[in-house]
Structures are given as C-alpha cells and as structure tokens.
Amino acid sequence: MTWSPDASITGGTITGFTTPTFTMVDDTPPAINAKQKTVSAISSQGSATANTVNVPFTETFYKPAALKAVPAPNPVTGLRGSIPNNQYKLIVRKGGDAATGVPVTLIARLTIDVPAGMETQSPDQVKSFVSFLVGLLNEESQDLAETLITGVL
C-alpha cells in the first residue's frame, strides 16, 4: 500500500477537542514526486478552521526523486562504499494568526532517511520503526500540543 491517508482522519486526543475529525481531499502537489491532501472540513475543534486560501491546512508527502541502491562491492576488497539514504519527507501546514489581521503558517517537517537496501534486507525493522513513530505521535499528541503552546518541555 502506498501513502494514502484516509478521507477522514480521527485526530489524537487533546483536551477540549471531542473526537476531532479531519476530512481530507486530494490536492495538487507542488512536485511530481509528491502527494498532497487538503483538510476540507474539521469537527469538534473549537475555533480551528479547515483549509482556505489565507489559512492553509495541508499535508504533503514526498518520496525521493530517484531511489538509491546499495553500492556494489569493490571487486578487489569486497567492501562497499557509503550506504546512501532514500529520504522521504512529510510536511504539514496549518494557517492561523499571530495577531489580529496578521496571518502566519505553522509548519512541521518530518524527514525519514531509509538506508538503501534496508527496505529489502530488514523490512520488519522498517515496519517496527513506523509503528513506533505513529504510536509515539498519537500517544504524545496532548503533550506535544501543550509544549508548542506553553514552551515547556
């Protein structure tokens, strides 16, 4: 299965957001090696808003423009050169105001560097990594929101 978030996403639990739901639609990505979705509607989230021209709410997932492979071993020494990474990137944007009439955009950039060859040699390790990452973000959604709001770690 490829990157394809559901049309409806249930958000992590945050105080004051009762069963937060995000409705997403396909959007035009900024690059050919990307997929983008826009949040077209939200529910149970106070005064938070869905995507508009002035207040963006999007997610864009990039794959490497060209996937790299494990380098061939040196014919004399049998050693391989440096193992390159295939870098994937998730960017989430949410617009808001810094002051009345002062629009700004909050941006999260998550990059994942997968060493070439690991996807075929150790797929369960990759799956375990993803499972942990998603669980960690889901479990820590309240704490992450509080840290971003209060600046307290």
Protein backbone atom coordinates (compact mmCIF):
# COMPACT_ATOMS: atom_id res chain seq x y z
CA MET A 1 0.00 0.00 0.00
CA THR A 2 1.31 3.45 -0.85
CA TRP A 3 0.95 6.70 1.10
CA SER A 4 -2.76 7.42 1.02
CA PRO A 5 -4.30 8.91 4.17
CA ASP A 6 -7.99 8.15 4.58
CA ALA A 7 -10.54 10.75 3.53
CA SER A 8 -11.45 11.05 7.20
CA ILE A 9 -8.78 11.11 9.91
CA THR A 10 -9.50 10.86 13.63
CA GLY A 11 -7.08 13.14 15.41
CA GLY A 12 -5.22 12.43 18.62
CA THR A 13 -6.94 13.21 21.89
CA ILE A 14 -6.45 16.82 23.02
CA THR A 15 -8.29 18.47 25.90
CA GLY A 16 -11.26 20.42 24.50
CA PHE A 17 -11.33 18.56 21.19
CA THR A 18 -14.01 15.89 21.45
CA THR A 19 -13.32 13.23 18.83
CA PRO A 20 -11.50 15.57 16.44
CA THR A 21 -12.15 14.57 12.83
CA PHE A 22 -10.41 15.88 9.72
CA THR A 23 -11.98 15.42 6.27
CA MET A 24 -9.34 15.46 3.55
CA VAL A 25 -9.49 15.78 -0.23
CA ASP A 26 -6.81 15.25 -2.88
CA ASP A 27 -4.92 18.39 -3.81
CA THR A 28 -2.35 19.26 -6.47
CA PRO A 29 1.12 18.56 -5.07
CA PRO A 30 3.99 21.01 -5.61
CA ALA A 31 6.20 18.33 -7.23
CA ILE A 32 5.73 15.21 -9.35
CA ASN A 33 7.29 13.01 -6.64
CA ALA A 34 4.74 14.14 -4.03
CA LYS A 35 1.13 13.57 -2.98
CA GLN A 36 -0.88 16.29 -1.26
CA LYS A 37 -4.17 16.41 0.58
CA THR A 38 -6.05 19.38 1.93
CA VAL A 39 -8.19 19.41 5.06
CA SER A 40 -11.59 20.43 3.69
CA ALA A 41 -13.61 20.14 6.92
CA ILE A 42 -12.98 19.62 10.63
CA SER A 43 -15.24 18.85 13.56
CA SER A 44 -15.15 19.36 17.32
CA GLN A 45 -12.13 21.65 17.39
CA GLY A 46 -13.16 24.95 18.93
CA SER A 47 -12.42 27.84 16.58
CA ALA A 48 -9.96 25.89 14.40
CA THR A 49 -10.70 26.09 10.68
CA ALA A 50 -10.32 23.92 7.61
CA ASN A 51 -8.15 24.95 4.66
CA THR A 52 -8.74 28.30 2.96
CA VAL A 53 -6.54 30.37 0.65
CA ASN A 54 -5.45 32.56 3.57
CA VAL A 55 -5.38 29.83 6.22
CA PRO A 56 -3.80 26.70 4.71
CA PHE A 57 -4.28 23.23 6.20
CA THR A 58 -2.46 20.69 4.04
CA GLU A 59 -0.20 17.66 4.21
CA THR A 60 2.34 16.83 1.52
CA PHE A 61 4.33 13.59 1.34
CA TYR A 62 7.45 13.43 -0.82
CA LYS A 63 9.32 10.33 -1.95
CA PRO A 64 12.88 10.51 -3.28
CA ALA A 65 13.01 11.77 -6.87
CA ALA A 66 15.24 8.79 -7.70
CA LEU A 67 15.59 5.82 -5.35
CA LYS A 68 19.17 4.91 -4.49
CA ALA A 69 20.51 1.37 -4.26
CA VAL A 70 23.20 -0.31 -2.19
CA PRO A 71 26.53 0.25 -3.95
CA ALA A 72 28.21 -2.78 -5.49
CA PRO A 73 31.13 -4.26 -3.56
CA ASN A 74 34.63 -3.29 -4.59
CA PRO A 75 35.87 -6.11 -6.84
CA VAL A 76 39.26 -6.19 -5.07
CA THR A 77 38.41 -5.63 -1.39
CA GLY A 78 34.78 -6.77 -1.35
CA LEU A 79 33.92 -3.70 0.70
CA ARG A 80 31.05 -1.40 -0.14
CA GLY A 81 31.19 2.38 -0.20
CA SER A 82 28.96 4.55 1.96
CA ILE A 83 25.35 3.40 2.02
CA PRO A 84 23.16 6.24 0.67
CA ASN A 85 19.81 7.17 2.17
CA ASN A 86 16.46 7.42 0.42
CA GLN A 87 14.87 10.46 2.04
CA TYR A 88 11.10 10.72 2.42
CA LYS A 89 9.53 13.92 3.72
CA LEU A 90 6.18 14.82 5.27
CA ILE A 91 5.25 18.49 5.52
CA VAL A 92 2.13 19.62 7.37
CA ARG A 93 0.96 23.25 7.18
CA LYS A 94 -1.69 24.98 9.31
CA GLY A 95 -2.52 28.64 8.98
CA GLY A 96 -3.60 30.93 11.80
CA ASP A 97 -2.99 34.43 13.11
CA ALA A 98 -0.02 35.78 15.10
CA ALA A 99 -2.10 38.86 15.96
CA THR A 100 -5.40 40.22 14.68
CA GLY A 101 -5.08 40.51 10.92
CA VAL A 102 -1.56 39.01 10.86
CA PRO A 103 -1.78 35.64 9.09
CA VAL A 104 1.01 33.10 9.66
CA THR A 105 1.58 29.43 8.87
CA LEU A 106 2.76 26.76 11.32
CA ILE A 107 4.88 24.14 9.54
CA ALA A 108 6.09 20.67 10.59
CA ARG A 109 8.73 18.92 8.52
CA LEU A 110 9.40 15.25 9.19
CA THR A 111 12.15 13.59 7.18
CA ILE A 112 12.78 9.86 7.22
CA ASP A 113 16.13 8.62 5.94
CA VAL A 114 15.90 4.96 4.95
CA PRO A 115 19.33 3.47 4.21
CA ALA A 116 19.29 1.96 0.71
CA GLY A 117 18.77 -1.79 0.93
CA MET A 118 17.23 -1.79 4.42
CA GLU A 119 13.73 -1.92 2.90
CA THR A 120 14.51 -5.33 1.37
CA GLN A 121 17.03 -6.72 3.89
CA SER A 122 15.17 -5.69 7.08
CA PRO A 123 11.52 -4.89 6.23
CA ASP A 124 10.32 -5.83 9.72
CA GLN A 125 12.74 -3.31 11.22
CA VAL A 126 11.26 -0.62 8.95
CA LYS A 127 7.72 -1.65 9.94
CA SER A 128 8.68 -1.57 13.62
CA PHE A 129 10.12 1.93 13.19
CA VAL A 130 6.93 3.21 11.53
CA SER A 131 4.69 1.56 14.14
CA PHE A 132 6.68 3.16 16.94
CA LEU A 133 6.74 6.59 15.28
CA VAL A 134 2.98 6.66 14.66
CA GLY A 135 2.20 5.35 18.15
CA LEU A 136 4.57 7.84 19.75
CA LEU A 137 2.99 10.79 17.91
CA ASN A 138 -0.51 9.53 18.69
CA GLU A 139 0.28 8.91 22.36
CA GLU A 140 2.05 12.24 22.78
CA SER A 141 -0.47 14.40 20.89
CA GLN A 142 -1.67 16.17 24.06
CA ASP A 143 1.85 16.68 25.41
CA LEU A 144 3.13 17.91 22.04
CA ALA A 145 0.27 20.42 21.79
CA GLU A 146 0.94 21.65 25.35
CA THR A 147 4.67 22.03 24.66
CA LEU A 148 4.01 24.01 21.45
CA ILE A 149 1.54 26.27 23.29
CA THR A 150 3.45 26.76 26.58
CA GLY A 151 7.06 26.29 25.51
CA VAL A 152 7.54 23.94 28.47
CA LEU A 153 9.25 20.62 27.82
